[in-house]
Amino acid sequence: MSPTTILERIRGLFAADTSEHLDSINDAFVQGALKQPVRPMSDQELARAIREFHSAPVSDWTLAKLSRRFVEACGSRDD
């Protein structure tokens, strides 16, 4: 499966709106800046990557976006 197809599936699962992050990853694959790995990640490598991802601090932009979504969700339930 191509990286672009994978990104489209991820976008459909998790991103209801457009995602600049996924767009930039897709563009990097299309432009050749990113390449598919020679071999898939091992379970240990994947676990390490997930731990590193979880330990990274959350950006202010992400917190603000989540806050807006919660406010919108609460507002739509009150109607």
C-alpha atoms as a PDB file:
ATOM      1  CA  MET A   1       0.000   0.000   0.000  1.00  0.00           C
ATOM      2  CA  SER A   2       1.400   3.413  -0.885  1.00  0.00           C
ATOM      3  CA  PRO A   3       2.169   6.005   1.805  1.00  0.00           C
ATOM      4  CA  THR A   4      -0.420   8.328   0.269  1.00  0.00           C
ATOM      5  CA  THR A   5      -3.123   5.659   0.566  1.00  0.00           C
ATOM      6  CA  ILE A   6      -2.172   4.998   4.176  1.00  0.00           C
ATOM      7  CA  LEU A   7      -2.338   8.710   4.991  1.00  0.00           C
ATOM      8  CA  GLU A   8      -5.762   8.976   3.367  1.00  0.00           C
ATOM      9  CA  ARG A   9      -7.019   6.098   5.529  1.00  0.00           C
ATOM     10  CA  ILE A  10      -5.585   7.730   8.648  1.00  0.00           C
ATOM     11  CA  ARG A  11      -7.196  11.023   7.672  1.00  0.00           C
ATOM     12  CA  GLY A  12     -10.561   9.272   7.325  1.00  0.00           C
ATOM     13  CA  LEU A  13     -10.261   7.619  10.723  1.00  0.00           C
ATOM     14  CA  PHE A  14      -9.017  10.497  12.838  1.00  0.00           C
ATOM     15  CA  ALA A  15      -9.346  13.817  11.088  1.00  0.00           C
ATOM     16  CA  ALA A  16     -12.799  15.140  10.356  1.00  0.00           C
ATOM     17  CA  ASP A  17     -11.333  18.368   8.989  1.00  0.00           C
ATOM     18  CA  THR A  18      -8.291  19.017   6.866  1.00  0.00           C
ATOM     19  CA  SER A  19      -4.991  18.389   8.575  1.00  0.00           C
ATOM     20  CA  GLU A  20      -1.941  20.466   7.731  1.00  0.00           C
ATOM     21  CA  HIS A  21       0.245  17.843   9.395  1.00  0.00           C
ATOM     22  CA  LEU A  22      -1.017  14.980   7.242  1.00  0.00           C
ATOM     23  CA  ASP A  23      -0.827  17.219   4.176  1.00  0.00           C
ATOM     24  CA  SER A  24       2.829  18.013   4.887  1.00  0.00           C
ATOM     25  CA  ILE A  25       3.658  14.300   5.316  1.00  0.00           C
ATOM     26  CA  ASN A  26       1.863  13.470   2.070  1.00  0.00           C
ATOM     27  CA  ASP A  27       3.683  16.269   0.232  1.00  0.00           C
ATOM     28  CA  ALA A  28       7.028  15.002   1.544  1.00  0.00           C
ATOM     29  CA  PHE A  29       6.310  11.507   0.172  1.00  0.00           C
ATOM     30  CA  VAL A  30       5.204  12.927  -3.183  1.00  0.00           C
ATOM     31  CA  GLN A  31       8.259  15.205  -3.434  1.00  0.00           C
ATOM     32  CA  GLY A  32      10.603  12.403  -2.419  1.00  0.00           C
ATOM     33  CA  ALA A  33      11.762  14.007   0.839  1.00  0.00           C
ATOM     34  CA  LEU A  34      10.384  10.981   2.741  1.00  0.00           C
ATOM     35  CA  LYS A  35      10.956   7.410   1.652  1.00  0.00           C
ATOM     36  CA  GLN A  36       9.303   4.180   2.694  1.00  0.00           C
ATOM     37  CA  PRO A  37      11.543   2.235   5.064  1.00  0.00           C
ATOM     38  CA  VAL A  38      13.481  -0.702   3.642  1.00  0.00           C
ATOM     39  CA  ARG A  39      11.917  -2.949   6.251  1.00  0.00           C
ATOM     40  CA  PRO A  40       8.895  -2.520   8.531  1.00  0.00           C
ATOM     41  CA  MET A  41       9.370  -1.520  12.157  1.00  0.00           C
ATOM     42  CA  SER A  42       9.760  -4.298  14.657  1.00  0.00           C
ATOM     43  CA  ASP A  43       7.336  -4.469  17.572  1.00  0.00           C
ATOM     44  CA  GLN A  44      10.082  -3.129  19.853  1.00  0.00           C
ATOM     45  CA  GLU A  45      10.805  -0.195  17.541  1.00  0.00           C
ATOM     46  CA  LEU A  46       7.110   0.615  17.332  1.00  0.00           C
ATOM     47  CA  ALA A  47       6.734   0.432  21.122  1.00  0.00           C
ATOM     48  CA  ARG A  48       9.723   2.767  21.549  1.00  0.00           C
ATOM     49  CA  ALA A  49       8.290   5.231  19.017  1.00  0.00           C
ATOM     50  CA  ILE A  50       4.931   5.214  20.812  1.00  0.00           C
ATOM     51  CA  ARG A  51       6.635   5.846  24.175  1.00  0.00           C
ATOM     52  CA  GLU A  52       8.572   8.754  22.682  1.00  0.00           C
ATOM     53  CA  PHE A  53       5.397  10.171  21.153  1.00  0.00           C
ATOM     54  CA  HIS A  54       3.534   9.952  24.470  1.00  0.00           C
ATOM     55  CA  SER A  55       6.399  11.602  26.350  1.00  0.00           C
ATOM     56  CA  ALA A  56       6.528  14.608  23.991  1.00  0.00           C
ATOM     57  CA  PRO A  57       4.894  17.762  25.366  1.00  0.00           C
ATOM     58  CA  VAL A  58       1.578  18.836  23.910  1.00  0.00           C
ATOM     59  CA  SER A  59       1.724  22.081  21.940  1.00  0.00           C
ATOM     60  CA  ASP A  60      -0.284  25.161  22.885  1.00  0.00           C
ATOM     61  CA  TRP A  61      -1.911  25.049  19.434  1.00  0.00           C
ATOM     62  CA  THR A  62      -3.145  21.476  20.045  1.00  0.00           C
ATOM     63  CA  LEU A  63      -4.549  22.363  23.461  1.00  0.00           C
ATOM     64  CA  ALA A  64      -6.359  25.378  22.023  1.00  0.00           C
ATOM     65  CA  LYS A  65      -7.852  23.287  19.215  1.00  0.00           C
ATOM     66  CA  LEU A  66      -9.055  20.619  21.653  1.00  0.00           C
ATOM     67  CA  SER A  67     -10.530  23.295  23.909  1.00  0.00           C
ATOM     68  CA  ARG A  68     -12.497  24.750  20.986  1.00  0.00           C
ATOM     69  CA  ARG A  69     -13.810  21.290  20.089  1.00  0.00           C
ATOM     70  CA  PHE A  70     -14.954  20.656  23.665  1.00  0.00           C
ATOM     71  CA  VAL A  71     -16.696  24.028  23.833  1.00  0.00           C
ATOM     72  CA  GLU A  72     -18.395  23.375  20.497  1.00  0.00           C
ATOM     73  CA  ALA A  73     -19.465  19.884  21.605  1.00  0.00           C
ATOM     74  CA  CYS A  74     -20.873  21.199  24.882  1.00  0.00           C
ATOM     75  CA  GLY A  75     -22.656  24.008  23.059  1.00  0.00           C
ATOM     76  CA  SER A  76     -24.336  21.634  20.613  1.00  0.00           C
ATOM     77  CA  ARG A  77     -25.601  19.432  23.475  1.00  0.00           C
ATOM     78  CA  ASP A  78     -27.188  22.429  25.230  1.00  0.00           C
ATOM     79  CA  ASP A  79     -29.354  23.244  22.183  1.00  0.00           C
END
